[in-house]
Every structure is written in structure tokens, then in C-alpha cells.
Amino acid sequence: MEGNPWKTKEIKEIYQNPWIKVEEHDVINPAGNLGIYGKVQFKNKALGIIPLDTDGYTWIVGQYRYPLDEYSWEIPMGGGPIGVDILESAKRELKEETGLTAKKWTEVMRIHTSNSVTDEEGFVFLAEDLTEGLTAFEETEVLKIKKLPFKDLLGMVMNGEITDGISIAGILKVARILGL
């Protein structure tokens, strides 16, 4: 592993809300020049879940994404508070967004979502041995739930219908695990 070529002189908090903190770092860059670097720190771990039943079906959720100003189909996902077990948070998110519970859980990947500007760390789980139940959406969520064959979900990635990075990475990884 290489050493850190950046030197931090000062860190200023610019903004904070319940989900993120934005900082401006006064730095000396690798060339030895003064500069600034913006950093977005997330207060939760990003968690994505791919539920898969014994017939090869999965569930995705659709919602309007305010920052993008567009509708997005994604795997069930949400935030897990730092310091709380990520698997327990993933179980909560799957139940909230789809009503599903799973007896078998496999962590399939760890991902950094945009490591040039944020320290956000994400995890994707494969959830199997499913039981259907009731959803419990958060007040910011207006979700549509769609059940479809996993192969069709993979097709949505390949034709550009799914653009969320965690969803794409997780779907491709599970497709590889399944030998698709």
C-alpha cells in the first residue's frame, strides 16, 4: 500500500444535516501546492439487498430521486447507522421496503460509492429463503415494488434502465455468483 501524499492543514465544517456532513479541507496536494478538497461524510452505511426466491424471482423498488430529478428502479436499499450491525440494518431495510424477511443472508460485496468526494461505504447482501409480509415505508418514501425474474433484472442493468451504482454492482455480482 502506498502512503498518503496529501497533507491536511485545516478542516472546516461547511454544512451538516441528519444524513451528511460537508467539509472543506485546506491541503497541500501531492505536487506540494496549496489547494482545497471537498469531502462529504455520510452518517450511515449504504446497504443494498437482493432478495432471491427459489424460483429465481427478485424484488426491486422504484421511486422518484430528488437529487436526480428522475424516477429510479433500484434494489431495496437504505442506510444503516454507523455503529449498528450492518446485517441487522439490512434486514430492517428489506422488511421496510418490500415486506420481505429472509432466513439466509450472504454479504456479496463492499463498495465505495464515489470515492473522489465521499467516504461513503456500502454493502450488498443476497437475501434468500424469503417470507412475504407487510411494508413499513419511511415518510420520505413513495415506493413501487416490482417482482420479476432475476434474469430480467440483469437485462434492466444491461440496457440502462437501472442506473444506481450500488444496484448495478450488486446485480452484476449476484449474476456472476449465479453463473449468469
Protein backbone atom coordinates (compact mmCIF):
# COMPACT_ATOMS: atom_id res chain seq x y z
CA MET A 1 0.00 0.00 0.00
CA GLU A 2 1.19 3.47 -0.84
CA GLY A 3 1.47 6.23 1.74
CA ASN A 4 -0.80 9.27 1.72
CA PRO A 5 0.78 12.01 -0.46
CA TRP A 6 -1.75 14.63 0.77
CA LYS A 7 -1.12 16.85 3.81
CA THR A 8 -4.12 18.30 5.64
CA LYS A 9 -3.65 21.81 7.03
CA GLU A 10 -7.16 22.61 8.24
CA ILE A 11 -10.68 21.14 8.10
CA LYS A 12 -13.76 23.37 8.11
CA GLU A 13 -17.31 22.07 8.50
CA ILE A 14 -19.45 23.74 5.84
CA TYR A 15 -22.82 22.05 6.33
CA GLN A 16 -24.47 19.26 8.31
CA ASN A 17 -27.88 17.56 8.40
CA PRO A 18 -29.09 14.21 9.82
CA TRP A 19 -27.62 12.27 6.86
CA ILE A 20 -24.42 14.03 5.75
CA LYS A 21 -21.67 16.42 6.75
CA VAL A 22 -19.79 18.51 4.18
CA GLU A 23 -16.23 19.59 4.92
CA GLU A 24 -13.69 21.76 3.14
CA HIS A 25 -10.10 20.68 3.65
CA ASP A 26 -7.18 23.06 3.14
CA VAL A 27 -4.46 20.77 1.84
CA ILE A 28 -1.04 20.52 0.35
CA ASN A 29 -1.55 18.35 -2.72
CA PRO A 30 0.84 15.63 -3.93
CA ALA A 31 2.72 18.20 -6.08
CA GLY A 32 3.41 20.28 -2.96
CA ASN A 33 0.95 23.07 -3.84
CA LEU A 34 -1.79 24.57 -1.66
CA GLY A 35 -5.31 23.52 -2.52
CA ILE A 36 -8.76 22.68 -1.23
CA TYR A 37 -10.62 19.41 -1.17
CA GLY A 38 -14.33 18.96 -0.51
CA LYS A 39 -15.45 15.87 1.38
CA VAL A 40 -18.95 14.57 2.01
CA GLN A 41 -19.18 12.30 5.05
CA PHE A 42 -22.20 10.04 5.35
CA LYS A 43 -23.68 9.27 8.75
CA ASN A 44 -24.92 5.86 7.61
CA LYS A 45 -23.57 2.84 5.77
CA ALA A 46 -25.25 2.30 2.38
CA LEU A 47 -26.99 -1.07 2.31
CA GLY A 48 -28.41 -2.83 -0.72
CA ILE A 49 -30.29 -6.10 -0.67
CA ILE A 50 -31.05 -8.52 -3.50
CA PRO A 51 -33.87 -10.82 -2.40
CA LEU A 52 -33.99 -14.04 -4.42
CA ASP A 53 -36.62 -16.75 -4.16
CA THR A 54 -36.29 -20.41 -5.07
CA ASP A 55 -37.90 -19.81 -8.48
CA GLY A 56 -35.29 -17.20 -9.46
CA TYR A 57 -37.51 -14.16 -8.84
CA THR A 58 -36.39 -10.96 -7.14
CA TRP A 59 -37.95 -7.69 -5.99
CA ILE A 60 -36.94 -4.14 -6.87
CA VAL A 61 -38.28 -0.78 -5.78
CA GLY A 62 -38.99 2.28 -7.86
CA GLN A 63 -39.02 5.82 -6.57
CA TYR A 64 -38.51 9.39 -7.61
CA ARG A 65 -34.97 10.50 -6.68
CA TYR A 66 -34.98 14.17 -5.79
CA PRO A 67 -31.27 14.90 -6.42
CA LEU A 68 -31.50 13.37 -9.93
CA ASP A 69 -34.93 14.81 -10.75
CA GLU A 70 -35.91 11.45 -12.22
CA TYR A 71 -37.51 8.11 -11.41
CA SER A 72 -35.21 5.24 -10.49
CA TRP A 73 -35.59 1.46 -10.25
CA GLU A 74 -33.23 0.00 -7.64
CA ILE A 75 -32.62 -2.96 -5.41
CA PRO A 76 -34.11 -2.45 -1.94
CA MET A 77 -31.66 -0.24 -0.08
CA GLY A 78 -31.20 2.25 2.68
CA GLY A 79 -28.93 3.46 5.41
CA GLY A 80 -27.57 1.66 8.42
CA PRO A 81 -26.41 3.89 11.26
CA ILE A 82 -22.67 3.73 11.88
CA GLY A 83 -22.06 1.57 14.92
CA VAL A 84 -25.13 -0.63 14.27
CA ASP A 85 -24.61 -4.10 12.80
CA ILE A 86 -24.94 -3.80 9.02
CA LEU A 87 -26.78 -7.11 8.69
CA GLU A 88 -29.42 -6.04 11.22
CA SER A 89 -29.84 -2.76 9.32
CA ALA A 90 -30.12 -4.62 6.01
CA LYS A 91 -32.83 -6.89 7.46
CA ARG A 92 -34.75 -3.80 8.63
CA GLU A 93 -34.45 -2.12 5.21
CA LEU A 94 -35.64 -5.21 3.31
CA LYS A 95 -38.68 -5.51 5.59
CA GLU A 96 -39.49 -1.79 5.41
CA GLU A 97 -39.27 -1.52 1.62
CA THR A 98 -40.64 -4.87 0.43
CA GLY A 99 -42.27 -6.56 3.42
CA LEU A 100 -39.87 -9.48 2.94
CA THR A 101 -37.91 -11.29 5.63
CA ALA A 102 -35.14 -13.77 4.86
CA LYS A 103 -33.66 -16.68 6.76
CA LYS A 104 -30.44 -16.84 4.71
CA TRP A 105 -28.17 -13.81 4.28
CA THR A 106 -24.90 -13.56 2.34
CA GLU A 107 -22.77 -10.44 2.14
CA VAL A 108 -21.72 -10.29 -1.52
CA MET A 109 -19.75 -7.06 -1.67
CA ARG A 110 -18.35 -3.93 -0.08
CA ILE A 111 -18.36 -0.80 -2.25
CA HIS A 112 -17.28 2.84 -2.10
CA THR A 113 -19.89 4.84 -3.97
CA SER A 114 -17.91 7.89 -5.18
CA ASN A 115 -14.53 7.85 -3.51
CA SER A 116 -13.28 11.09 -5.05
CA VAL A 117 -15.71 13.16 -2.96
CA THR A 118 -17.14 10.95 -0.22
CA ASP A 119 -16.14 8.38 2.36
CA GLU A 120 -19.47 6.53 1.94
CA GLU A 121 -19.11 2.79 2.36
CA GLY A 122 -21.75 0.41 1.09
CA PHE A 123 -22.55 -3.26 1.40
CA VAL A 124 -24.74 -5.52 -0.73
CA PHE A 125 -26.42 -8.64 0.61
CA LEU A 126 -28.13 -11.57 -1.07
CA ALA A 127 -31.27 -12.50 0.90
CA GLU A 128 -32.77 -15.96 0.40
CA ASP A 129 -35.35 -18.28 1.99
CA LEU A 130 -37.93 -15.49 1.88
CA THR A 131 -41.24 -14.86 3.62
CA GLU A 132 -43.61 -12.15 2.42
CA GLY A 133 -45.19 -9.66 4.81
CA LEU A 134 -46.19 -6.01 5.14
CA THR A 135 -44.06 -3.00 4.22
CA ALA A 136 -43.30 -0.05 6.52
CA PHE A 137 -42.22 2.84 4.28
CA GLU A 138 -40.49 5.87 5.77
CA GLU A 139 -42.18 9.27 5.37
CA THR A 140 -39.78 10.22 2.56
CA GLU A 141 -40.56 7.09 0.55
CA VAL A 142 -43.23 6.64 -2.08
CA LEU A 143 -42.17 3.28 -3.46
CA LYS A 144 -43.46 0.94 -6.14
CA ILE A 145 -42.48 -2.69 -5.67
CA LYS A 146 -41.92 -4.96 -8.65
CA LYS A 147 -41.35 -8.74 -8.60
CA LEU A 148 -39.57 -10.08 -11.65
CA PRO A 149 -37.22 -12.85 -12.78
CA PHE A 150 -33.62 -12.13 -11.81
CA LYS A 151 -32.62 -12.57 -15.48
CA ASP A 152 -34.99 -9.69 -16.38
CA LEU A 153 -33.39 -7.56 -13.67
CA LEU A 154 -29.98 -8.28 -15.17
CA GLY A 155 -31.41 -7.20 -18.53
CA MET A 156 -32.52 -3.89 -16.98
CA VAL A 157 -28.91 -3.26 -15.95
CA MET A 158 -27.54 -4.18 -19.36
CA ASN A 159 -29.98 -1.94 -21.26
CA GLY A 160 -29.51 1.07 -18.97
CA GLU A 161 -32.88 1.02 -17.19
CA ILE A 162 -31.09 0.77 -13.84
CA THR A 163 -28.51 3.49 -13.23
CA ASP A 164 -27.96 3.34 -9.45
CA GLY A 165 -24.35 2.32 -8.80
CA ILE A 166 -24.93 0.07 -5.78
CA SER A 167 -27.78 -1.69 -7.61
CA ILE A 168 -25.69 -2.25 -10.74
CA ALA A 169 -22.67 -3.54 -8.83
CA GLY A 170 -24.76 -5.84 -6.65
CA ILE A 171 -26.84 -7.22 -9.52
CA LEU A 172 -23.74 -7.95 -11.62
CA LYS A 173 -22.02 -9.63 -8.67
CA VAL A 174 -25.03 -11.83 -7.90
CA ALA A 175 -25.37 -12.67 -11.61
CA ARG A 176 -21.77 -13.85 -11.53
CA ILE A 177 -22.41 -15.90 -8.38
CA LEU A 178 -25.43 -17.49 -10.09
CA GLY A 179 -23.37 -18.23 -13.20
CA LEU A 180 -25.40 -15.95 -15.49
